[in-house]
Amino acid sequence: MKTKQKTPKPLIGIIGGNGKMGMWFKKFFENLGFEILISGTRTTLTNIELAKKADIVIVSVPIQKTIEVIKEVRKNVKKDALL
């Protein structure tokens, strides 16, 4: 009989995580036991640094900035990550 190995939870990165929606995502995923990274205008962690580290990247910025931010980070998201 095989024993199930526990799969580690993915690291979630939230770009724009200090805004209202970003904070909602942060609390939601933290309550489920996920580790969260935040980048934004008031953080030392850059969007690109976050994209390189996170397994799941959530873009939570004002709609007029969304395309710009995705273009900024898209080449830095890990190959097997979710954007």
PDB file of N, CA and C in Angstrom:
ATOM      1  N   MET A   1       0.832  -1.178   0.000  1.00  0.00           N
ATOM      2  CA  MET A   1       0.000   0.000   0.000  1.00  0.00           C
ATOM      3  C   MET A   1       0.880   1.247   0.000  1.00  0.00           C
ATOM      4  N   LYS A   2       0.606   2.139  -0.955  1.00  0.00           N
ATOM      5  CA  LYS A   2       1.375   3.378  -1.065  1.00  0.00           C
ATOM      6  C   LYS A   2       0.812   4.423  -0.108  1.00  0.00           C
ATOM      7  N   THR A   3       1.716   5.174   0.480  1.00  0.00           N
ATOM      8  CA  THR A   3       1.266   6.300   1.298  1.00  0.00           C
ATOM      9  C   THR A   3       1.277   7.556   0.442  1.00  0.00           C
ATOM     10  N   LYS A   4       0.273   8.361   0.648  1.00  0.00           N
ATOM     11  CA  LYS A   4       0.180   9.605  -0.103  1.00  0.00           C
ATOM     12  C   LYS A   4       1.219  10.598   0.407  1.00  0.00           C
ATOM     13  N   GLN A   5       1.964  11.173  -0.532  1.00  0.00           N
ATOM     14  CA  GLN A   5       2.886  12.227  -0.155  1.00  0.00           C
ATOM     15  C   GLN A   5       2.157  13.554  -0.243  1.00  0.00           C
ATOM     16  N   LYS A   6       2.437  14.405   0.712  1.00  0.00           N
ATOM     17  CA  LYS A   6       1.811  15.711   0.730  1.00  0.00           C
ATOM     18  C   LYS A   6       2.462  16.606  -0.321  1.00  0.00           C
ATOM     19  N   THR A   7       1.652  17.170  -1.187  1.00  0.00           N
ATOM     20  CA  THR A   7       2.148  18.093  -2.192  1.00  0.00           C
ATOM     21  C   THR A   7       2.272  19.467  -1.556  1.00  0.00           C
ATOM     22  N   PRO A   8       3.443  20.105  -1.699  1.00  0.00           N
ATOM     23  CA  PRO A   8       3.573  21.441  -1.099  1.00  0.00           C
ATOM     24  C   PRO A   8       2.642  22.438  -1.772  1.00  0.00           C
ATOM     25  N   LYS A   9       2.121  23.365  -0.986  1.00  0.00           N
ATOM     26  CA  LYS A   9       1.229  24.388  -1.533  1.00  0.00           C
ATOM     27  C   LYS A   9       2.042  25.363  -2.377  1.00  0.00           C
ATOM     28  N   PRO A  10       1.475  25.821  -3.466  1.00  0.00           N
ATOM     29  CA  PRO A  10       2.186  26.781  -4.304  1.00  0.00           C
ATOM     30  C   PRO A  10       2.347  28.128  -3.600  1.00  0.00           C
ATOM     31  N   LEU A  11       3.410  28.826  -3.940  1.00  0.00           N
ATOM     32  CA  LEU A  11       3.660  30.172  -3.448  1.00  0.00           C
ATOM     33  C   LEU A  11       2.869  31.137  -4.326  1.00  0.00           C
ATOM     34  N   ILE A  12       2.044  31.956  -3.707  1.00  0.00           N
ATOM     35  CA  ILE A  12       1.189  32.882  -4.453  1.00  0.00           C
ATOM     36  C   ILE A  12       1.756  34.286  -4.359  1.00  0.00           C
ATOM     37  N   GLY A  13       1.897  34.928  -5.515  1.00  0.00           N
ATOM     38  CA  GLY A  13       2.349  36.308  -5.573  1.00  0.00           C
ATOM     39  C   GLY A  13       1.224  37.202  -6.056  1.00  0.00           C
ATOM     40  N   ILE A  14       1.044  38.320  -5.369  1.00  0.00           N
ATOM     41  CA  ILE A  14      -0.012  39.263  -5.747  1.00  0.00           C
ATOM     42  C   ILE A  14       0.642  40.587  -6.110  1.00  0.00           C
ATOM     43  N   ILE A  15       0.548  40.939  -7.382  1.00  0.00           N
ATOM     44  CA  ILE A  15       1.039  42.240  -7.839  1.00  0.00           C
ATOM     45  C   ILE A  15      -0.088  43.236  -7.603  1.00  0.00           C
ATOM     46  N   GLY A  16       0.219  44.270  -6.833  1.00  0.00           N
ATOM     47  CA  GLY A  16      -0.821  45.223  -6.450  1.00  0.00           C
ATOM     48  C   GLY A  16      -1.528  44.765  -5.191  1.00  0.00           C
ATOM     49  N   GLY A  17      -0.839  44.016  -4.377  1.00  0.00           N
ATOM     50  CA  GLY A  17      -1.440  43.394  -3.207  1.00  0.00           C
ATOM     51  C   GLY A  17      -1.761  44.316  -2.054  1.00  0.00           C
ATOM     52  N   ASN A  18      -1.428  45.593  -2.168  1.00  0.00           N
ATOM     53  CA  ASN A  18      -1.745  46.521  -1.086  1.00  0.00           C
ATOM     54  C   ASN A  18      -3.048  47.275  -1.316  1.00  0.00           C
ATOM     55  N   GLY A  19      -3.679  47.072  -2.466  1.00  0.00           N
ATOM     56  CA  GLY A  19      -4.977  47.696  -2.734  1.00  0.00           C
ATOM     57  C   GLY A  19      -6.096  46.889  -2.091  1.00  0.00           C
ATOM     58  N   LYS A  20      -7.313  47.376  -2.242  1.00  0.00           N
ATOM     59  CA  LYS A  20      -8.459  46.704  -1.609  1.00  0.00           C
ATOM     60  C   LYS A  20      -8.636  45.270  -2.108  1.00  0.00           C
ATOM     61  N   MET A  21      -8.617  45.087  -3.423  1.00  0.00           N
ATOM     62  CA  MET A  21      -8.807  43.738  -3.977  1.00  0.00           C
ATOM     63  C   MET A  21      -7.604  42.853  -3.657  1.00  0.00           C
ATOM     64  N   GLY A  22      -6.404  43.422  -3.756  1.00  0.00           N
ATOM     65  CA  GLY A  22      -5.195  42.665  -3.432  1.00  0.00           C
ATOM     66  C   GLY A  22      -5.189  42.192  -1.991  1.00  0.00           C
ATOM     67  N   MET A  23      -5.617  43.054  -1.071  1.00  0.00           N
ATOM     68  CA  MET A  23      -5.683  42.669   0.343  1.00  0.00           C
ATOM     69  C   MET A  23      -6.733  41.580   0.559  1.00  0.00           C
ATOM     70  N   TRP A  24      -7.836  41.631  -0.202  1.00  0.00           N
ATOM     71  CA  TRP A  24      -8.850  40.592  -0.092  1.00  0.00           C
ATOM     72  C   TRP A  24      -8.264  39.244  -0.511  1.00  0.00           C
ATOM     73  N   PHE A  25      -7.562  39.228  -1.670  1.00  0.00           N
ATOM     74  CA  PHE A  25      -6.911  37.986  -2.126  1.00  0.00           C
ATOM     75  C   PHE A  25      -5.910  37.495  -1.083  1.00  0.00           C
ATOM     76  N   LYS A  26      -5.115  38.401  -0.542  1.00  0.00           N
ATOM     77  CA  LYS A  26      -4.097  38.033   0.461  1.00  0.00           C
ATOM     78  C   LYS A  26      -4.744  37.330   1.654  1.00  0.00           C
ATOM     79  N   LYS A  27      -5.766  37.955   2.232  1.00  0.00           N
ATOM     80  CA  LYS A  27      -6.441  37.359   3.394  1.00  0.00           C
ATOM     81  C   LYS A  27      -7.083  36.016   3.034  1.00  0.00           C
ATOM     82  N   PHE A  28      -7.724  35.961   1.861  1.00  0.00           N
ATOM     83  CA  PHE A  28      -8.388  34.738   1.421  1.00  0.00           C
ATOM     84  C   PHE A  28      -7.404  33.572   1.359  1.00  0.00           C
ATOM     85  N   PHE A  29      -6.283  33.772   0.675  1.00  0.00           N
ATOM     86  CA  PHE A  29      -5.317  32.685   0.510  1.00  0.00           C
ATOM     87  C   PHE A  29      -4.539  32.387   1.793  1.00  0.00           C
ATOM     88  N   GLU A  30      -4.258  33.407   2.599  1.00  0.00           N
ATOM     89  CA  GLU A  30      -3.601  33.158   3.889  1.00  0.00           C
ATOM     90  C   GLU A  30      -4.492  32.310   4.787  1.00  0.00           C
ATOM     91  N   ASN A  31      -5.794  32.554   4.767  1.00  0.00           N
ATOM     92  CA  ASN A  31      -6.726  31.762   5.577  1.00  0.00           C
ATOM     93  C   ASN A  31      -6.765  30.298   5.137  1.00  0.00           C
ATOM     94  N   LEU A  32      -6.367  30.038   3.897  1.00  0.00           N
ATOM     95  CA  LEU A  32      -6.292  28.662   3.403  1.00  0.00           C
ATOM     96  C   LEU A  32      -4.902  28.052   3.613  1.00  0.00           C
ATOM     97  N   GLY A  33      -4.006  28.818   4.237  1.00  0.00           N
ATOM     98  CA  GLY A  33      -2.689  28.297   4.571  1.00  0.00           C
ATOM     99  C   GLY A  33      -1.613  28.511   3.523  1.00  0.00           C
ATOM    100  N   PHE A  34      -1.861  29.361   2.534  1.00  0.00           N
ATOM    101  CA  PHE A  34      -0.867  29.627   1.498  1.00  0.00           C
ATOM    102  C   PHE A  34       0.106  30.702   1.953  1.00  0.00           C
ATOM    103  N   GLU A  35       1.337  30.606   1.475  1.00  0.00           N
ATOM    104  CA  GLU A  35       2.318  31.661   1.673  1.00  0.00           C
ATOM    105  C   GLU A  35       2.127  32.674   0.550  1.00  0.00           C
ATOM    106  N   ILE A  36       2.188  33.962   0.903  1.00  0.00           N
ATOM    107  CA  ILE A  36       1.878  35.030  -0.042  1.00  0.00           C
ATOM    108  C   ILE A  36       3.061  35.988  -0.172  1.00  0.00           C
ATOM    109  N   LEU A  37       3.338  36.398  -1.413  1.00  0.00           N
ATOM    110  CA  LEU A  37       4.271  37.491  -1.688  1.00  0.00           C
ATOM    111  C   LEU A  37       3.456  38.654  -2.240  1.00  0.00           C
ATOM    112  N   ILE A  38       3.860  39.878  -1.891  1.00  0.00           N
ATOM    113  CA  ILE A  38       3.165  41.074  -2.352  1.00  0.00           C
ATOM    114  C   ILE A  38       4.180  41.999  -3.014  1.00  0.00           C
ATOM    115  N   SER A  39       3.815  42.546  -4.170  1.00  0.00           N
ATOM    116  CA  SER A  39       4.608  43.625  -4.759  1.00  0.00           C
ATOM    117  C   SER A  39       3.663  44.750  -5.124  1.00  0.00           C
ATOM    118  N   GLY A  40       4.190  45.949  -5.084  1.00  0.00           N
ATOM    119  CA  GLY A  40       3.378  47.112  -5.414  1.00  0.00           C
ATOM    120  C   GLY A  40       4.194  48.371  -5.292  1.00  0.00           C
ATOM    121  N   THR A  41       3.529  49.474  -5.362  1.00  0.00           N
ATOM    122  CA  THR A  41       4.221  50.758  -5.330  1.00  0.00           C
ATOM    123  C   THR A  41       4.853  51.045  -3.969  1.00  0.00           C
ATOM    124  N   ARG A  42       4.399  50.370  -2.928  1.00  0.00           N
ATOM    125  CA  ARG A  42       4.939  50.605  -1.578  1.00  0.00           C
ATOM    126  C   ARG A  42       5.740  49.429  -1.032  1.00  0.00           C
ATOM    127  N   THR A  43       6.259  48.567  -1.911  1.00  0.00           N
ATOM    128  CA  THR A  43       7.034  47.414  -1.442  1.00  0.00           C
ATOM    129  C   THR A  43       8.454  47.470  -1.999  1.00  0.00           C
ATOM    130  N   THR A  44       9.363  46.801  -1.318  1.00  0.00           N
ATOM    131  CA  THR A  44      10.726  46.703  -1.846  1.00  0.00           C
ATOM    132  C   THR A  44      10.824  45.585  -2.869  1.00  0.00           C
ATOM    133  N   LEU A  45       9.939  44.601  -2.789  1.00  0.00           N
ATOM    134  CA  LEU A  45       9.903  43.516  -3.768  1.00  0.00           C
ATOM    135  C   LEU A  45       9.304  44.057  -5.065  1.00  0.00           C
ATOM    136  N   THR A  46      10.016  43.884  -6.177  1.00  0.00           N
ATOM    137  CA  THR A  46       9.508  44.383  -7.456  1.00  0.00           C
ATOM    138  C   THR A  46       8.563  43.359  -8.085  1.00  0.00           C
ATOM    139  N   ASN A  47       7.798  43.816  -9.060  1.00  0.00           N
ATOM    140  CA  ASN A  47       6.896  42.920  -9.786  1.00  0.00           C
ATOM    141  C   ASN A  47       7.674  41.798 -10.467  1.00  0.00           C
ATOM    142  N   ILE A  48       8.817  42.119 -11.048  1.00  0.00           N
ATOM    143  CA  ILE A  48       9.631  41.115 -11.742  1.00  0.00           C
ATOM    144  C   ILE A  48      10.206  40.106 -10.755  1.00  0.00           C
ATOM    145  N   GLU A  49      10.690  40.568  -9.604  1.00  0.00           N
ATOM    146  CA  GLU A  49      11.200  39.644  -8.583  1.00  0.00           C
ATOM    147  C   GLU A  49      10.089  38.700  -8.123  1.00  0.00           C
ATOM    148  N   LEU A  50       8.895  39.234  -7.922  1.00  0.00           N
ATOM    149  CA  LEU A  50       7.756  38.410  -7.522  1.00  0.00           C
ATOM    150  C   LEU A  50       7.451  37.370  -8.594  1.00  0.00           C
ATOM    151  N   ALA A  51       7.435  37.796  -9.863  1.00  0.00           N
ATOM    152  CA  ALA A  51       7.117  36.881 -10.965  1.00  0.00           C
ATOM    153  C   ALA A  51       8.116  35.736 -11.051  1.00  0.00           C
ATOM    154  N   LYS A  52       9.364  35.993 -10.730  1.00  0.00           N
ATOM    155  CA  LYS A  52      10.404  34.960 -10.784  1.00  0.00           C
ATOM    156  C   LYS A  52      10.254  33.936  -9.661  1.00  0.00           C
ATOM    157  N   LYS A  53       9.648  34.340  -8.536  1.00  0.00           N
ATOM    158  CA  LYS A  53       9.560  33.473  -7.357  1.00  0.00           C
ATOM    159  C   LYS A  53       8.242  32.709  -7.240  1.00  0.00           C
ATOM    160  N   ALA A  54       7.136  33.341  -7.636  1.00  0.00           N
ATOM    161  CA  ALA A  54       5.807  32.794  -7.352  1.00  0.00           C
ATOM    162  C   ALA A  54       5.422  31.657  -8.291  1.00  0.00           C
ATOM    163  N   ASP A  55       4.630  30.725  -7.761  1.00  0.00           N
ATOM    164  CA  ASP A  55       4.063  29.638  -8.560  1.00  0.00           C
ATOM    165  C   ASP A  55       2.747  30.072  -9.204  1.00  0.00           C
ATOM    166  N   ILE A  56       2.074  31.004  -8.544  1.00  0.00           N
ATOM    167  CA  ILE A  56       0.845  31.590  -9.059  1.00  0.00           C
ATOM    168  C   ILE A  56       0.998  33.105  -8.936  1.00  0.00           C
ATOM    169  N   VAL A  57       0.813  33.826 -10.036  1.00  0.00           N
ATOM    170  CA  VAL A  57       0.929  35.288 -10.039  1.00  0.00           C
ATOM    171  C   VAL A  57      -0.445  35.879 -10.312  1.00  0.00           C
ATOM    172  N   ILE A  58      -0.934  36.664  -9.366  1.00  0.00           N
ATOM    173  CA  ILE A  58      -2.217  37.346  -9.505  1.00  0.00           C
ATOM    174  C   ILE A  58      -1.939  38.822  -9.751  1.00  0.00           C
ATOM    175  N   VAL A  59      -2.534  39.366 -10.795  1.00  0.00           N
ATOM    176  CA  VAL A  59      -2.385  40.782 -11.104  1.00  0.00           C
ATOM    177  C   VAL A  59      -3.635  41.493 -10.589  1.00  0.00           C
ATOM    178  N   SER A  60      -3.440  42.309  -9.561  1.00  0.00           N
ATOM    179  CA  SER A  60      -4.553  43.002  -8.918  1.00  0.00           C
ATOM    180  C   SER A  60      -4.245  44.502  -8.913  1.00  0.00           C
ATOM    181  N   VAL A  61      -4.299  45.077 -10.085  1.00  0.00           N
ATOM    182  CA  VAL A  61      -3.979  46.497 -10.262  1.00  0.00           C
ATOM    183  C   VAL A  61      -5.173  47.186 -10.929  1.00  0.00           C
ATOM    184  N   PRO A  62      -5.194  48.518 -10.926  1.00  0.00           N
ATOM    185  CA  PRO A  62      -6.272  49.204 -11.648  1.00  0.00           C
ATOM    186  C   PRO A  62      -6.326  48.741 -13.102  1.00  0.00           C
ATOM    187  N   ILE A  63      -7.516  48.611 -13.645  1.00  0.00           N
ATOM    188  CA  ILE A  63      -7.725  48.032 -14.966  1.00  0.00           C
ATOM    189  C   ILE A  63      -6.881  48.711 -16.041  1.00  0.00           C
ATOM    190  N   GLN A  64      -6.680  50.018 -15.939  1.00  0.00           N
ATOM    191  CA  GLN A  64      -5.898  50.723 -16.954  1.00  0.00           C
ATOM    192  C   GLN A  64      -4.413  50.376 -16.889  1.00  0.00           C
ATOM    193  N   LYS A  65      -3.953  49.744 -15.808  1.00  0.00           N
ATOM    194  CA  LYS A  65      -2.550  49.339 -15.651  1.00  0.00           C
ATOM    195  C   LYS A  65      -2.334  47.853 -15.943  1.00  0.00           C
ATOM    196  N   THR A  66      -3.400  47.090 -16.081  1.00  0.00           N
ATOM    197  CA  THR A  66      -3.303  45.632 -16.181  1.00  0.00           C
ATOM    198  C   THR A  66      -2.430  45.166 -17.335  1.00  0.00           C
ATOM    199  N   ILE A  67      -2.670  45.636 -18.533  1.00  0.00           N
ATOM    200  CA  ILE A  67      -1.883  45.191 -19.696  1.00  0.00           C
ATOM    201  C   ILE A  67      -0.419  45.556 -19.528  1.00  0.00           C
ATOM    202  N   GLU A  68      -0.161  46.766 -19.056  1.00  0.00           N
ATOM    203  CA  GLU A  68       1.209  47.228 -18.834  1.00  0.00           C
ATOM    204  C   GLU A  68       1.952  46.306 -17.853  1.00  0.00           C
ATOM    205  N   VAL A  69       1.299  45.943 -16.763  1.00  0.00           N
ATOM    206  CA  VAL A  69       1.922  45.089 -15.748  1.00  0.00           C
ATOM    207  C   VAL A  69       2.149  43.684 -16.293  1.00  0.00           C
ATOM    208  N   ILE A  70       1.187  43.136 -17.008  1.00  0.00           N
ATOM    209  CA  ILE A  70       1.356  41.795 -17.578  1.00  0.00           C
ATOM    210  C   ILE A  70       2.514  41.788 -18.568  1.00  0.00           C
ATOM    211  N   LYS A  71       2.608  42.803 -19.405  1.00  0.00           N
ATOM    212  CA  LYS A  71       3.729  42.896 -20.348  1.00  0.00           C
ATOM    213  C   LYS A  71       5.060  43.004 -19.611  1.00  0.00           C
ATOM    214  N   GLU A  72       5.066  43.712 -18.480  1.00  0.00           N
ATOM    215  CA  GLU A  72       6.283  43.886 -17.679  1.00  0.00           C
ATOM    216  C   GLU A  72       6.800  42.557 -17.133  1.00  0.00           C
ATOM    217  N   VAL A  73       5.897  41.694 -16.682  1.00  0.00           N
ATOM    218  CA  VAL A  73       6.326  40.484 -15.966  1.00  0.00           C
ATOM    219  C   VAL A  73       6.288  39.206 -16.787  1.00  0.00           C
ATOM    220  N   ARG A  74       5.607  39.187 -17.905  1.00  0.00           N
ATOM    221  CA  ARG A  74       5.316  37.931 -18.621  1.00  0.00           C
ATOM    222  C   ARG A  74       6.545  37.102 -18.955  1.00  0.00           C
ATOM    223  N   LYS A  75       7.663  37.717 -19.263  1.00  0.00           N
ATOM    224  CA  LYS A  75       8.874  36.959 -19.615  1.00  0.00           C
ATOM    225  C   LYS A  75       9.616  36.455 -18.387  1.00  0.00           C
ATOM    226  N   ASN A  76       9.188  36.875 -17.216  1.00  0.00           N
ATOM    227  CA  ASN A  76       9.859  36.498 -15.978  1.00  0.00           C
ATOM    228  C   ASN A  76       9.073  35.477 -15.147  1.00  0.00           C
ATOM    229  N   VAL A  77       7.856  35.190 -15.553  1.00  0.00           N
ATOM    230  CA  VAL A  77       7.055  34.184 -14.838  1.00  0.00           C
ATOM    231  C   VAL A  77       7.671  32.821 -15.107  1.00  0.00           C
ATOM    232  N   LYS A  78       7.788  32.009 -14.049  1.00  0.00           N
ATOM    233  CA  LYS A  78       8.359  30.678 -14.201  1.00  0.00           C
ATOM    234  C   LYS A  78       7.565  29.878 -15.231  1.00  0.00           C
ATOM    235  N   LYS A  79       8.260  28.999 -15.956  1.00  0.00           N
ATOM    236  CA  LYS A  79       7.626  28.226 -17.041  1.00  0.00           C
ATOM    237  C   LYS A  79       6.389  27.456 -16.594  1.00  0.00           C
ATOM    238  N   ASP A  80       6.429  26.913 -15.401  1.00  0.00           N
ATOM    239  CA  ASP A  80       5.314  26.089 -14.926  1.00  0.00           C
ATOM    240  C   ASP A  80       4.370  26.867 -13.988  1.00  0.00           C
ATOM    241  N   ALA A  81       4.496  28.188 -13.977  1.00  0.00           N
ATOM    242  CA  ALA A  81       3.658  29.016 -13.104  1.00  0.00           C
ATOM    243  C   ALA A  81       2.363  29.419 -13.809  1.00  0.00           C
ATOM    244  N   LEU A  82       1.426  29.881 -13.018  1.00  0.00           N
ATOM    245  CA  LEU A  82       0.140  30.344 -13.515  1.00  0.00           C
ATOM    246  C   LEU A  82       0.116  31.868 -13.404  1.00  0.00           C
ATOM    247  N   LEU A  83      -0.236  32.533 -14.504  1.00  0.00           N
ATOM    248  CA  LEU A  83      -0.349  33.997 -14.489  1.00  0.00           C
ATOM    249  C   LEU A  83      -1.805  34.344 -14.695  1.00  0.00           C
TER     250      LEU A  83
END
